[in-house]
C-alpha atoms as a PDB file:
ATOM      1  CA  UNK A   1       0.167   3.512   5.403  1.00  0.00           C
ATOM      2  CA  UNK A   2       3.428   2.784   3.688  1.00  0.00           C
ATOM      3  CA  UNK A   3       5.462   2.828   0.481  1.00  0.00           C
ATOM      4  CA  UNK A   4       7.776   0.244  -0.946  1.00  0.00           C
ATOM      5  CA  UNK A   5      10.270   0.712  -3.657  1.00  0.00           C
ATOM      6  CA  UNK A   6      10.489   4.080  -6.040  1.00  0.00           C
ATOM      7  CA  UNK A   7      13.571   6.023  -5.207  1.00  0.00           C
ATOM      8  CA  UNK A   8      14.292   3.859  -2.047  1.00  0.00           C
ATOM      9  CA  UNK A   9      18.085   2.481  -2.253  1.00  0.00           C
ATOM     10  CA  UNK A  10      17.946  -1.633  -2.890  1.00  0.00           C
ATOM     11  CA  UNK A  11      14.413  -1.211  -3.516  1.00  0.00           C
ATOM     12  CA  UNK A  12      14.047  -1.104  -7.456  1.00  0.00           C
ATOM     13  CA  UNK A  13      11.402  -2.022  -8.957  1.00  0.00           C
ATOM     14  CA  UNK A  14      10.868  -1.803 -13.236  1.00  0.00           C
ATOM     15  CA  UNK A  15       7.677  -3.013 -14.379  1.00  0.00           C
ATOM     16  CA  UNK A  16       5.526  -4.327 -11.537  1.00  0.00           C
ATOM     17  CA  UNK A  17       3.137  -6.538 -13.696  1.00  0.00           C
ATOM     18  CA  UNK A  18       1.103  -8.069 -10.704  1.00  0.00           C
ATOM     19  CA  UNK A  19       0.764  -8.150  -7.017  1.00  0.00           C
ATOM     20  CA  UNK A  20      -0.657 -10.435  -4.769  1.00  0.00           C
ATOM     21  CA  UNK A  21      -1.619 -10.308  -0.932  1.00  0.00           C
ATOM     22  CA  UNK A  22      -1.636 -13.224   1.206  1.00  0.00           C
ATOM     23  CA  UNK A  23      -3.902 -13.740   4.577  1.00  0.00           C
ATOM     24  CA  UNK A  24      -1.803 -11.824   6.578  1.00  0.00           C
ATOM     25  CA  UNK A  25      -1.050  -9.285   4.625  1.00  0.00           C
ATOM     26  CA  UNK A  26       1.900 -10.049   2.977  1.00  0.00           C
ATOM     27  CA  UNK A  27       2.591  -8.577  -0.866  1.00  0.00           C
ATOM     28  CA  UNK A  28       4.000 -10.982  -3.565  1.00  0.00           C
ATOM     29  CA  UNK A  29       5.523  -8.603  -6.585  1.00  0.00           C
ATOM     30  CA  UNK A  30       5.510  -9.907 -10.018  1.00  0.00           C
ATOM     31  CA  UNK A  31       8.336  -7.672 -11.495  1.00  0.00           C
ATOM     32  CA  UNK A  32       8.219  -7.826 -15.489  1.00  0.00           C
ATOM     33  CA  UNK A  33      11.164  -5.752 -15.827  1.00  0.00           C
ATOM     34  CA  UNK A  34      13.451  -7.178 -13.413  1.00  0.00           C
ATOM     35  CA  UNK A  35      12.501 -10.644 -14.245  1.00  0.00           C
ATOM     36  CA  UNK A  36      12.183 -11.160 -10.222  1.00  0.00           C
ATOM     37  CA  UNK A  37       9.497 -11.805  -7.674  1.00  0.00           C
ATOM     38  CA  UNK A  38       9.582  -9.687  -4.575  1.00  0.00           C
ATOM     39  CA  UNK A  39       8.271 -10.137  -1.172  1.00  0.00           C
ATOM     40  CA  UNK A  40       7.082  -7.395   0.766  1.00  0.00           C
ATOM     41  CA  UNK A  41       6.215  -8.332   4.710  1.00  0.00           C
ATOM     42  CA  UNK A  42       2.393  -6.930   5.939  1.00  0.00           C
ATOM     43  CA  UNK A  43       3.760  -3.529   6.703  1.00  0.00           C
ATOM     44  CA  UNK A  44       5.622  -3.152   3.540  1.00  0.00           C
ATOM     45  CA  UNK A  45       9.156  -4.041   4.706  1.00  0.00           C
ATOM     46  CA  UNK A  46      11.371  -5.323   1.811  1.00  0.00           C
ATOM     47  CA  UNK A  47      12.141  -8.820   1.995  1.00  0.00           C
ATOM     48  CA  UNK A  48      13.772  -9.126  -1.558  1.00  0.00           C
ATOM     49  CA  UNK A  49      13.412 -11.372  -4.397  1.00  0.00           C
ATOM     50  CA  UNK A  50      12.368 -15.039  -4.048  1.00  0.00           C
ATOM     51  CA  UNK A  51      12.515 -16.079  -7.435  1.00  0.00           C
ATOM     52  CA  UNK A  52      15.286 -14.240 -10.044  1.00  0.00           C
ATOM     53  CA  UNK A  53      16.323 -14.678 -13.736  1.00  0.00           C
ATOM     54  CA  UNK A  54      17.049 -17.732 -15.552  1.00  0.00           C
ATOM     55  CA  UNK A  55      15.680 -21.079 -17.007  1.00  0.00           C
ATOM     56  CA  UNK A  56      15.782 -23.288 -14.142  1.00  0.00           C
ATOM     57  CA  UNK A  57      13.150 -24.079 -11.506  1.00  0.00           C
ATOM     58  CA  UNK A  58      12.256 -21.502  -8.744  1.00  0.00           C
ATOM     59  CA  UNK A  59      13.579 -19.223 -11.479  1.00  0.00           C
ATOM     60  CA  UNK A  60      11.699 -16.786 -14.261  1.00  0.00           C
ATOM     61  CA  UNK A  61      12.339 -14.771 -17.568  1.00  0.00           C
ATOM     62  CA  UNK A  62       9.029 -12.780 -17.854  1.00  0.00           C
ATOM     63  CA  UNK A  63       6.908 -13.103 -14.443  1.00  0.00           C
ATOM     64  CA  UNK A  64       3.222 -11.807 -15.636  1.00  0.00           C
ATOM     65  CA  UNK A  65       0.943 -12.996 -12.745  1.00  0.00           C
ATOM     66  CA  UNK A  66       1.156 -13.939  -9.412  1.00  0.00           C
ATOM     67  CA  UNK A  67      -1.693 -15.416  -6.524  1.00  0.00           C
ATOM     68  CA  UNK A  68      -1.229 -16.804  -3.112  1.00  0.00           C
ATOM     69  CA  UNK A  69      -2.225 -20.761  -3.040  1.00  0.00           C
ATOM     70  CA  UNK A  70      -1.897 -20.659   0.810  1.00  0.00           C
ATOM     71  CA  UNK A  71      -0.153 -18.447   3.284  1.00  0.00           C
ATOM     72  CA  UNK A  72       3.518 -19.828   2.543  1.00  0.00           C
ATOM     73  CA  UNK A  73       3.059 -20.838  -1.193  1.00  0.00           C
ATOM     74  CA  UNK A  74       2.971 -18.837  -4.419  1.00  0.00           C
ATOM     75  CA  UNK A  75       2.155 -19.452  -7.630  1.00  0.00           C
ATOM     76  CA  UNK A  76       3.865 -17.320 -10.728  1.00  0.00           C
ATOM     77  CA  UNK A  77       2.941 -17.397 -14.431  1.00  0.00           C
ATOM     78  CA  UNK A  78       6.393 -16.720 -16.637  1.00  0.00           C
ATOM     79  CA  UNK A  79       5.583 -15.881 -20.350  1.00  0.00           C
ATOM     80  CA  UNK A  80       8.852 -16.134 -20.830  1.00  0.00           C
ATOM     81  CA  UNK A  81       8.837 -20.060 -20.235  1.00  0.00           C
ATOM     82  CA  UNK A  82       5.051 -21.131 -20.788  1.00  0.00           C
ATOM     83  CA  UNK A  83       4.928 -22.687 -17.425  1.00  0.00           C
ATOM     84  CA  UNK A  84       3.223 -22.013 -14.008  1.00  0.00           C
ATOM     85  CA  UNK A  85       6.089 -22.429 -10.704  1.00  0.00           C
ATOM     86  CA  UNK A  86       4.765 -23.065  -7.523  1.00  0.00           C
ATOM     87  CA  UNK A  87       6.917 -22.112  -4.848  1.00  0.00           C
ATOM     88  CA  UNK A  88       7.118 -23.002  -1.227  1.00  0.00           C
ATOM     89  CA  UNK A  89       8.638 -20.103   0.801  1.00  0.00           C
ATOM     90  CA  UNK A  90       9.664 -22.202   3.963  1.00  0.00           C
ATOM     91  CA  UNK A  91      12.127 -24.635   2.327  1.00  0.00           C
ATOM     92  CA  UNK A  92      12.066 -22.700  -1.264  1.00  0.00           C
ATOM     93  CA  UNK A  93      10.937 -25.802  -2.786  1.00  0.00           C
ATOM     94  CA  UNK A  94       9.356 -25.623  -5.996  1.00  0.00           C
ATOM     95  CA  UNK A  95       7.266 -27.513  -8.572  1.00  0.00           C
ATOM     96  CA  UNK A  96       6.390 -26.436 -12.252  1.00  0.00           C
ATOM     97  CA  UNK A  97       3.542 -27.307 -15.078  1.00  0.00           C
ATOM     98  CA  UNK A  98       3.812 -26.570 -18.338  1.00  0.00           C
ATOM     99  CA  UNK A  99       1.054 -24.065 -20.088  1.00  0.00           C
ATOM    100  CA  UNK A 100       0.007 -24.539 -23.329  1.00  0.00           C
ATOM    101  CA  UNK A 101       1.693 -22.163 -26.012  1.00  0.00           C
ATOM    102  CA  UNK A 102      -0.881 -21.600 -28.132  1.00  0.00           C
ATOM    103  CA  UNK A 103      -2.400 -19.631 -24.883  1.00  0.00           C
ATOM    104  CA  UNK A 104       0.187 -17.279 -24.405  1.00  0.00           C
ATOM    105  CA  UNK A 105       2.517 -16.769 -27.411  1.00  0.00           C
ATOM    106  CA  UNK A 106      -0.501 -14.593 -29.626  1.00  0.00           C
ATOM    107  CA  UNK A 107      -0.350 -12.644 -26.501  1.00  0.00           C
ATOM    108  CA  UNK A 108       3.117 -12.229 -26.343  1.00  0.00           C
ATOM    109  CA  UNK A 109       3.941 -11.660 -30.186  1.00  0.00           C
ATOM    110  CA  UNK A 110       1.159  -8.803 -29.790  1.00  0.00           C
ATOM    111  CA  UNK A 111       3.455  -6.599 -27.495  1.00  0.00           C
ATOM    112  CA  UNK A 112       0.709  -5.992 -25.678  1.00  0.00           C
ATOM    113  CA  UNK A 113      -0.751  -7.767 -22.512  1.00  0.00           C
ATOM    114  CA  UNK A 114      -3.787  -6.793 -21.442  1.00  0.00           C
ATOM    115  CA  UNK A 115      -5.982  -8.450 -19.148  1.00  0.00           C
ATOM    116  CA  UNK A 116      -4.472 -11.178 -17.197  1.00  0.00           C
ATOM    117  CA  UNK A 117      -5.129 -13.318 -14.005  1.00  0.00           C
ATOM    118  CA  UNK A 118      -3.925 -16.289 -12.298  1.00  0.00           C
ATOM    119  CA  UNK A 119      -5.701 -17.855  -9.502  1.00  0.00           C
ATOM    120  CA  UNK A 120      -4.516 -20.512  -6.792  1.00  0.00           C
ATOM    121  CA  UNK A 121      -6.342 -23.635  -8.432  1.00  0.00           C
ATOM    122  CA  UNK A 122      -3.738 -22.944 -11.327  1.00  0.00           C
ATOM    123  CA  UNK A 123      -6.578 -21.267 -13.517  1.00  0.00           C
ATOM    124  CA  UNK A 124      -5.135 -18.888 -16.427  1.00  0.00           C
ATOM    125  CA  UNK A 125      -7.514 -15.853 -17.605  1.00  0.00           C
ATOM    126  CA  UNK A 126      -5.991 -14.076 -20.148  1.00  0.00           C
ATOM    127  CA  UNK A 127      -7.345 -11.622 -23.142  1.00  0.00           C
ATOM    128  CA  UNK A 128      -6.363 -13.247 -26.698  1.00  0.00           C
ATOM    129  CA  UNK A 129      -6.092 -11.014 -29.717  1.00  0.00           C
ATOM    130  CA  UNK A 130      -7.954 -11.817 -32.835  1.00  0.00           C
ATOM    131  CA  UNK A 131      -8.611 -11.074 -36.467  1.00  0.00           C
ATOM    132  CA  UNK A 132      -8.782  -7.441 -37.138  1.00  0.00           C
ATOM    133  CA  UNK A 133     -11.463  -6.259 -40.212  1.00  0.00           C
ATOM    134  CA  UNK A 134     -12.388  -2.430 -40.913  1.00  0.00           C
ATOM    135  CA  UNK A 135     -10.624  -1.431 -37.904  1.00  0.00           C
ATOM    136  CA  UNK A 136     -12.007  -3.934 -35.511  1.00  0.00           C
ATOM    137  CA  UNK A 137     -10.594  -6.475 -33.867  1.00  0.00           C
ATOM    138  CA  UNK A 138     -11.865  -9.995 -32.604  1.00  0.00           C
ATOM    139  CA  UNK A 139     -10.690 -10.517 -29.255  1.00  0.00           C
ATOM    140  CA  UNK A 140     -11.923 -13.120 -26.490  1.00  0.00           C
ATOM    141  CA  UNK A 141     -11.356 -13.598 -23.030  1.00  0.00           C
ATOM    142  CA  UNK A 142     -10.166 -16.784 -22.155  1.00  0.00           C
ATOM    143  CA  UNK A 143      -9.763 -19.869 -19.134  1.00  0.00           C
ATOM    144  CA  UNK A 144      -7.192 -22.106 -19.264  1.00  0.00           C
ATOM    145  CA  UNK A 145      -6.291 -24.796 -16.475  1.00  0.00           C
ATOM    146  CA  UNK A 146      -4.000 -27.869 -16.561  1.00  0.00           C
ATOM    147  CA  UNK A 147      -7.039 -30.510 -16.352  1.00  0.00           C
ATOM    148  CA  UNK A 148      -8.556 -28.802 -19.396  1.00  0.00           C
ATOM    149  CA  UNK A 149      -9.036 -30.632 -22.750  1.00  0.00           C
ATOM    150  CA  UNK A 150      -9.372 -27.113 -24.405  1.00  0.00           C
ATOM    151  CA  UNK A 151      -9.409 -23.366 -23.521  1.00  0.00           C
ATOM    152  CA  UNK A 152     -12.389 -21.834 -22.521  1.00  0.00           C
ATOM    153  CA  UNK A 153     -13.552 -18.383 -24.297  1.00  0.00           C
ATOM    154  CA  UNK A 154     -15.859 -17.167 -21.379  1.00  0.00           C
ATOM    155  CA  UNK A 155     -16.516 -13.486 -23.231  1.00  0.00           C
ATOM    156  CA  UNK A 156     -15.747 -12.095 -27.031  1.00  0.00           C
ATOM    157  CA  UNK A 157     -15.445  -8.582 -27.606  1.00  0.00           C
ATOM    158  CA  UNK A 158     -15.340  -6.222 -30.178  1.00  0.00           C
ATOM    159  CA  UNK A 159     -12.770  -3.894 -29.785  1.00  0.00           C
ATOM    160  CA  UNK A 160     -12.053  -0.519 -32.028  1.00  0.00           C
ATOM    161  CA  UNK A 161      -8.146  -0.620 -33.056  1.00  0.00           C
ATOM    162  CA  UNK A 162      -8.000   1.416 -35.911  1.00  0.00           C
ATOM    163  CA  UNK A 163      -4.455   2.079 -37.255  1.00  0.00           C
ATOM    164  CA  UNK A 164      -3.848  -0.889 -34.507  1.00  0.00           C
ATOM    165  CA  UNK A 165      -4.187   0.774 -31.539  1.00  0.00           C
ATOM    166  CA  UNK A 166      -6.983  -0.003 -29.256  1.00  0.00           C
ATOM    167  CA  UNK A 167      -9.282   2.834 -28.220  1.00  0.00           C
ATOM    168  CA  UNK A 168     -10.132   2.745 -24.307  1.00  0.00           C
ATOM    169  CA  UNK A 169     -13.155   5.358 -25.735  1.00  0.00           C
ATOM    170  CA  UNK A 170     -15.125   2.397 -27.961  1.00  0.00           C
ATOM    171  CA  UNK A 171     -17.289   0.382 -25.619  1.00  0.00           C
ATOM    172  CA  UNK A 172     -16.600  -3.443 -25.192  1.00  0.00           C
ATOM    173  CA  UNK A 173     -17.254  -5.980 -22.807  1.00  0.00           C
ATOM    174  CA  UNK A 174     -14.752  -6.307 -19.806  1.00  0.00           C
ATOM    175  CA  UNK A 175     -13.804  -8.988 -17.298  1.00  0.00           C
ATOM    176  CA  UNK A 176     -12.565  -9.179 -13.586  1.00  0.00           C
ATOM    177  CA  UNK A 177     -11.929 -12.585 -11.857  1.00  0.00           C
ATOM    178  CA  UNK A 178     -12.090 -12.823  -8.388  1.00  0.00           C
ATOM    179  CA  UNK A 179     -11.754 -16.398  -6.325  1.00  0.00           C
ATOM    180  CA  UNK A 180     -15.153 -16.877  -6.396  1.00  0.00           C
ATOM    181  CA  UNK A 181     -16.628 -15.181  -9.108  1.00  0.00           C
ATOM    182  CA  UNK A 182     -15.961 -13.389 -12.323  1.00  0.00           C
ATOM    183  CA  UNK A 183     -17.486 -10.102 -13.712  1.00  0.00           C
ATOM    184  CA  UNK A 184     -18.692  -9.342 -17.146  1.00  0.00           C
ATOM    185  CA  UNK A 185     -19.633  -5.933 -18.436  1.00  0.00           C
ATOM    186  CA  UNK A 186     -22.278  -5.040 -21.214  1.00  0.00           C
ATOM    187  CA  UNK A 187     -20.849  -5.056 -24.731  1.00  0.00           C
ATOM    188  CA  UNK A 188     -22.778  -1.626 -26.021  1.00  0.00           C
ATOM    189  CA  UNK A 189     -21.178   0.348 -23.184  1.00  0.00           C
ATOM    190  CA  UNK A 190     -24.435   0.522 -21.067  1.00  0.00           C
ATOM    191  CA  UNK A 191     -23.223   0.678 -16.869  1.00  0.00           C
ATOM    192  CA  UNK A 192     -24.750  -3.393 -16.695  1.00  0.00           C
ATOM    193  CA  UNK A 193     -22.819  -5.847 -15.235  1.00  0.00           C
ATOM    194  CA  UNK A 194     -23.630  -9.852 -14.877  1.00  0.00           C
ATOM    195  CA  UNK A 195     -21.429 -11.497 -11.877  1.00  0.00           C
ATOM    196  CA  UNK A 196     -21.279 -15.659 -12.538  1.00  0.00           C
ATOM    197  CA  UNK A 197     -19.941 -17.969  -9.880  1.00  0.00           C
ATOM    198  CA  UNK A 198     -17.157 -20.465 -10.492  1.00  0.00           C
ATOM    199  CA  UNK A 199     -19.061 -22.889 -12.592  1.00  0.00           C
ATOM    200  CA  UNK A 200     -19.880 -20.196 -15.024  1.00  0.00           C
ATOM    201  CA  UNK A 201     -23.629 -20.129 -13.697  1.00  0.00           C
ATOM    202  CA  UNK A 202     -25.254 -16.730 -13.432  1.00  0.00           C
ATOM    203  CA  UNK A 203     -25.954 -14.847 -10.009  1.00  0.00           C
ATOM    204  CA  UNK A 204     -26.957 -11.959 -10.566  1.00  0.00           C
ATOM    205  CA  UNK A 205     -26.835  -8.983 -13.342  1.00  0.00           C
ATOM    206  CA  UNK A 206     -27.357  -5.209 -12.003  1.00  0.00           C
ATOM    207  CA  UNK A 207     -26.923  -1.740 -13.812  1.00  0.00           C
ATOM    208  CA  UNK A 208     -26.022   1.782 -12.390  1.00  0.00           C
ATOM    209  CA  UNK A 209     -27.112   5.040 -13.503  1.00  0.00           C
ATOM    210  CA  UNK A 210     -23.305   6.225 -13.797  1.00  0.00           C
ATOM    211  CA  UNK A 211     -23.118   8.329 -17.177  1.00  0.00           C
ATOM    212  CA  UNK A 212     -19.925   7.902 -19.412  1.00  0.00           C
ATOM    213  CA  UNK A 213     -17.493  10.689 -18.779  1.00  0.00           C
ATOM    214  CA  UNK A 214     -17.055  12.682 -21.626  1.00  0.00           C
ATOM    215  CA  UNK A 215     -14.300  12.284 -24.351  1.00  0.00           C
ATOM    216  CA  UNK A 216     -10.927  13.618 -23.166  1.00  0.00           C
ATOM    217  CA  UNK A 217      -9.165  16.018 -25.376  1.00  0.00           C
ATOM    218  CA  UNK A 218      -6.487  13.405 -25.647  1.00  0.00           C
ATOM    219  CA  UNK A 219      -9.364  11.131 -27.128  1.00  0.00           C
ATOM    220  CA  UNK A 220     -10.446  13.556 -29.314  1.00  0.00           C
ATOM    221  CA  UNK A 221      -6.701  13.954 -30.770  1.00  0.00           C
ATOM    222  CA  UNK A 222      -6.242  17.392 -29.682  1.00  0.00           C
ATOM    223  CA  UNK A 223      -3.680  17.146 -26.923  1.00  0.00           C
ATOM    224  CA  UNK A 224      -1.695  13.900 -27.300  1.00  0.00           C
ATOM    225  CA  UNK A 225       1.098  13.209 -24.579  1.00  0.00           C
ATOM    226  CA  UNK A 226       3.671  15.390 -25.644  1.00  0.00           C
ATOM    227  CA  UNK A 227       6.214  12.702 -23.729  1.00  0.00           C
ATOM    228  CA  UNK A 228       5.741  10.097 -26.707  1.00  0.00           C
ATOM    229  CA  UNK A 229       7.826   9.420 -29.089  1.00  0.00           C
ATOM    230  CA  UNK A 230       7.222  11.395 -32.677  1.00  0.00           C
ATOM    231  CA  UNK A 231       5.935   8.384 -34.522  1.00  0.00           C
ATOM    232  CA  UNK A 232       4.378   6.939 -32.168  1.00  0.00           C
ATOM    233  CA  UNK A 233       2.220  10.314 -31.410  1.00  0.00           C
ATOM    234  CA  UNK A 234       1.690  10.632 -35.252  1.00  0.00           C
ATOM    235  CA  UNK A 235       0.339   6.675 -35.641  1.00  0.00           C
ATOM    236  CA  UNK A 236      -2.172   7.685 -32.651  1.00  0.00           C
ATOM    237  CA  UNK A 237      -3.325  10.577 -34.462  1.00  0.00           C
ATOM    238  CA  UNK A 238      -3.995   8.766 -37.557  1.00  0.00           C
ATOM    239  CA  UNK A 239      -6.020   6.196 -35.738  1.00  0.00           C
ATOM    240  CA  UNK A 240      -8.454   8.943 -33.351  1.00  0.00           C
ATOM    241  CA  UNK A 241      -8.912  10.595 -37.195  1.00  0.00           C
ATOM    242  CA  UNK A 242     -10.070   7.327 -38.539  1.00  0.00           C
ATOM    243  CA  UNK A 243     -12.138   5.758 -35.986  1.00  0.00           C
ATOM    244  CA  UNK A 244     -13.566   9.389 -34.960  1.00  0.00           C
ATOM    245  CA  UNK A 245     -16.136   9.754 -32.036  1.00  0.00           C
ATOM    246  CA  UNK A 246     -17.989   6.617 -30.728  1.00  0.00           C
ATOM    247  CA  UNK A 247     -22.025   6.888 -30.394  1.00  0.00           C
ATOM    248  CA  UNK A 248     -21.206   6.499 -26.841  1.00  0.00           C
ATOM    249  CA  UNK A 249     -18.474   6.855 -24.935  1.00  0.00           C
ATOM    250  CA  UNK A 250     -17.616   3.668 -22.831  1.00  0.00           C
ATOM    251  CA  UNK A 251     -19.159   4.058 -19.239  1.00  0.00           C
ATOM    252  CA  UNK A 252     -16.022   1.908 -17.514  1.00  0.00           C
ATOM    253  CA  UNK A 253     -12.561   1.294 -18.513  1.00  0.00           C
ATOM    254  CA  UNK A 254     -11.466  -1.692 -15.854  1.00  0.00           C
ATOM    255  CA  UNK A 255     -12.521  -4.500 -13.644  1.00  0.00           C
ATOM    256  CA  UNK A 256     -11.432  -5.615 -10.857  1.00  0.00           C
ATOM    257  CA  UNK A 257     -12.507  -8.163  -8.003  1.00  0.00           C
ATOM    258  CA  UNK A 258     -10.697  -7.512  -4.930  1.00  0.00           C
ATOM    259  CA  UNK A 259      -9.960 -10.252  -2.330  1.00  0.00           C
ATOM    260  CA  UNK A 260     -13.288  -9.749  -0.521  1.00  0.00           C
ATOM    261  CA  UNK A 261     -15.596 -10.423  -3.798  1.00  0.00           C
ATOM    262  CA  UNK A 262     -15.985  -6.509  -4.373  1.00  0.00           C
ATOM    263  CA  UNK A 263     -16.230  -5.308  -7.469  1.00  0.00           C
ATOM    264  CA  UNK A 264     -14.414  -2.131  -8.565  1.00  0.00           C
ATOM    265  CA  UNK A 265     -15.403  -0.472 -11.576  1.00  0.00           C
ATOM    266  CA  UNK A 266     -13.097   2.350 -12.705  1.00  0.00           C
ATOM    267  CA  UNK A 267     -15.056   5.159 -14.798  1.00  0.00           C
ATOM    268  CA  UNK A 268     -11.781   7.117 -16.009  1.00  0.00           C
ATOM    269  CA  UNK A 269     -10.222   5.998 -19.275  1.00  0.00           C
ATOM    270  CA  UNK A 270      -6.761   5.589 -20.063  1.00  0.00           C
ATOM    271  CA  UNK A 271      -5.304   8.299 -22.181  1.00  0.00           C
ATOM    272  CA  UNK A 272      -4.407   7.087 -25.958  1.00  0.00           C
ATOM    273  CA  UNK A 273      -1.279   5.522 -26.044  1.00  0.00           C
ATOM    274  CA  UNK A 274      -1.068   4.610 -22.660  1.00  0.00           C
ATOM    275  CA  UNK A 275      -2.318   1.182 -22.595  1.00  0.00           C
ATOM    276  CA  UNK A 276      -1.681  -1.495 -19.525  1.00  0.00           C
ATOM    277  CA  UNK A 277      -3.123  -3.961 -17.338  1.00  0.00           C
ATOM    278  CA  UNK A 278      -3.643  -1.044 -14.633  1.00  0.00           C
ATOM    279  CA  UNK A 279      -5.962   1.059 -16.210  1.00  0.00           C
ATOM    280  CA  UNK A 280      -6.030   5.192 -15.660  1.00  0.00           C
ATOM    281  CA  UNK A 281      -4.055   6.658 -13.088  1.00  0.00           C
ATOM    282  CA  UNK A 282      -6.166   8.392  -9.939  1.00  0.00           C
ATOM    283  CA  UNK A 283      -9.062   6.625 -11.240  1.00  0.00           C
ATOM    284  CA  UNK A 284     -12.330   7.138  -9.714  1.00  0.00           C
ATOM    285  CA  UNK A 285     -14.084   3.484  -9.099  1.00  0.00           C
ATOM    286  CA  UNK A 286     -17.204   2.854  -8.048  1.00  0.00           C
ATOM    287  CA  UNK A 287     -17.764  -0.285  -5.465  1.00  0.00           C
ATOM    288  CA  UNK A 288     -20.163  -2.727  -5.470  1.00  0.00           C
ATOM    289  CA  UNK A 289     -20.708  -6.020  -3.240  1.00  0.00           C
ATOM    290  CA  UNK A 290     -20.966  -9.492  -5.537  1.00  0.00           C
ATOM    291  CA  UNK A 291     -24.627  -8.837  -4.995  1.00  0.00           C
ATOM    292  CA  UNK A 292     -24.454  -5.592  -6.800  1.00  0.00           C
ATOM    293  CA  UNK A 293     -25.224  -3.468  -4.296  1.00  0.00           C
ATOM    294  CA  UNK A 294     -23.502  -0.034  -4.314  1.00  0.00           C
ATOM    295  CA  UNK A 295     -21.297   0.685  -2.078  1.00  0.00           C
ATOM    296  CA  UNK A 296     -20.105   4.360  -2.965  1.00  0.00           C
ATOM    297  CA  UNK A 297     -17.229   5.696  -5.128  1.00  0.00           C
ATOM    298  CA  UNK A 298     -13.342   6.416  -4.210  1.00  0.00           C
ATOM    299  CA  UNK A 299     -10.534   7.999  -6.363  1.00  0.00           C
ATOM    300  CA  UNK A 300      -7.235   7.128  -6.288  1.00  0.00           C
ATOM    301  CA  UNK A 301      -4.952   9.564  -5.583  1.00  0.00           C
ATOM    302  CA  UNK A 302      -2.675  11.260  -9.016  1.00  0.00           C
ATOM    303  CA  UNK A 303      -0.249   9.158 -10.396  1.00  0.00           C
ATOM    304  CA  UNK A 304      -1.770   6.000  -8.202  1.00  0.00           C
ATOM    305  CA  UNK A 305      -3.346   2.861 -10.185  1.00  0.00           C
ATOM    306  CA  UNK A 306      -5.386   0.153  -8.021  1.00  0.00           C
ATOM    307  CA  UNK A 307      -3.895  -3.265  -7.806  1.00  0.00           C
ATOM    308  CA  UNK A 308      -5.437  -4.742  -4.975  1.00  0.00           C
ATOM    309  CA  UNK A 309      -7.949  -4.432  -1.809  1.00  0.00           C
ATOM    310  CA  UNK A 310      -9.275  -5.988   0.902  1.00  0.00           C
ATOM    311  CA  UNK A 311     -11.257  -4.417   4.061  1.00  0.00           C
ATOM    312  CA  UNK A 312     -10.185  -0.717   4.727  1.00  0.00           C
ATOM    313  CA  UNK A 313      -6.798  -1.664   2.203  1.00  0.00           C
ATOM    314  CA  UNK A 314      -5.647  -0.761  -1.013  1.00  0.00           C
ATOM    315  CA  UNK A 315      -2.946  -2.056  -2.571  1.00  0.00           C
ATOM    316  CA  UNK A 316      -1.434   0.848  -5.637  1.00  0.00           C
ATOM    317  CA  UNK A 317       1.218   1.138  -8.677  1.00  0.00           C
ATOM    318  CA  UNK A 318       2.546   4.583  -8.128  1.00  0.00           C
ATOM    319  CA  UNK A 319       4.533   6.128 -10.945  1.00  0.00           C
ATOM    320  CA  UNK A 320       6.428   9.083  -9.797  1.00  0.00           C
ATOM    321  CA  UNK A 321       7.956  12.162 -11.590  1.00  0.00           C
ATOM    322  CA  UNK A 322      11.033   9.826 -12.582  1.00  0.00           C
ATOM    323  CA  UNK A 323       8.965   7.285 -13.560  1.00  0.00           C
ATOM    324  CA  UNK A 324      10.057   5.390 -11.066  1.00  0.00           C
ATOM    325  CA  UNK A 325       7.835   2.788  -9.463  1.00  0.00           C
ATOM    326  CA  UNK A 326       6.308   1.927  -5.923  1.00  0.00           C
ATOM    327  CA  UNK A 327       3.731  -0.222  -4.192  1.00  0.00           C
ATOM    328  CA  UNK A 328       1.838   1.820  -1.738  1.00  0.00           C
ATOM    329  CA  UNK A 329      -0.431   0.543   0.873  1.00  0.00           C
ATOM    330  CA  UNK A 330      -3.510   3.293   1.343  1.00  0.00           C
ATOM    331  CA  UNK A 331      -6.085   3.171   3.966  1.00  0.00           C
ATOM    332  CA  UNK A 332      -9.436   3.785   2.716  1.00  0.00           C
ATOM    333  CA  UNK A 333     -12.075   6.330   4.415  1.00  0.00           C
ATOM    334  CA  UNK A 334     -16.104   6.007   3.756  1.00  0.00           C
ATOM    335  CA  UNK A 335     -16.575   3.101   2.426  1.00  0.00           C
END
């Protein structure tokens, strides 16, 4: 439908960490690399940054997540300043809420931001690293809000991390968070999901007959990305050799709950050494209603990663041949 960023003059994007879509289809982009929050109109027209690098009110250092509070207000999580900024776009007025640094610092220090979600009520959901023993790391998905007395651990998960490298082929619990529900996957690799409401009450648990994809050559350590630095490729090779092959590969690799509450289950796993919050490019997704009803499967175009969806529209991150980043709006058929 449209494309913004990429090689377009004056539309630079470096690392779009998150996007959010307003009720009218406007798009807010939290670009970690630029330290900016950028707006696009519903047709993809570039409106420019509304927050830029700095430490003052209405400025950011490392914007990692963004959401719309209402049609004129965005909320941004800044890992660089440990705070939430609420920005009213009409008068360009802002308010700041401090975030407990003990929530964010372990993630920042680890150098890897995996799962991160921000809700309009100022709830922050984040995957937090934990202790490592015998090549396994105990990670927690944690929820924090300004009104909470303590962090709320939603689910714990054991992650295979030989040589400090997280391996997506090994089963683990995953989390997806929407405005009204959250979805948790089975920790043992079965294609089984449980849906909870905002209060944590279980609404439905359902299975799907999808089988895990076989291990790729990269996951077996046979064809690692040649573009990776030699030291990185060596570390990956050692990690894969140490881990061996999982008894059962992970059936899913990511869960996204879209604006309509539909559950997008990403089947393709990212290759070793390509960790990031947006999953594998060109991935197949199974799509379900919150009730667990299966709607069908859809595969994104090559080099596109799912960011958000509503109705027939999908917003994706595209990485080009020059490593340039674009935000792309796609029109779905068949769902």
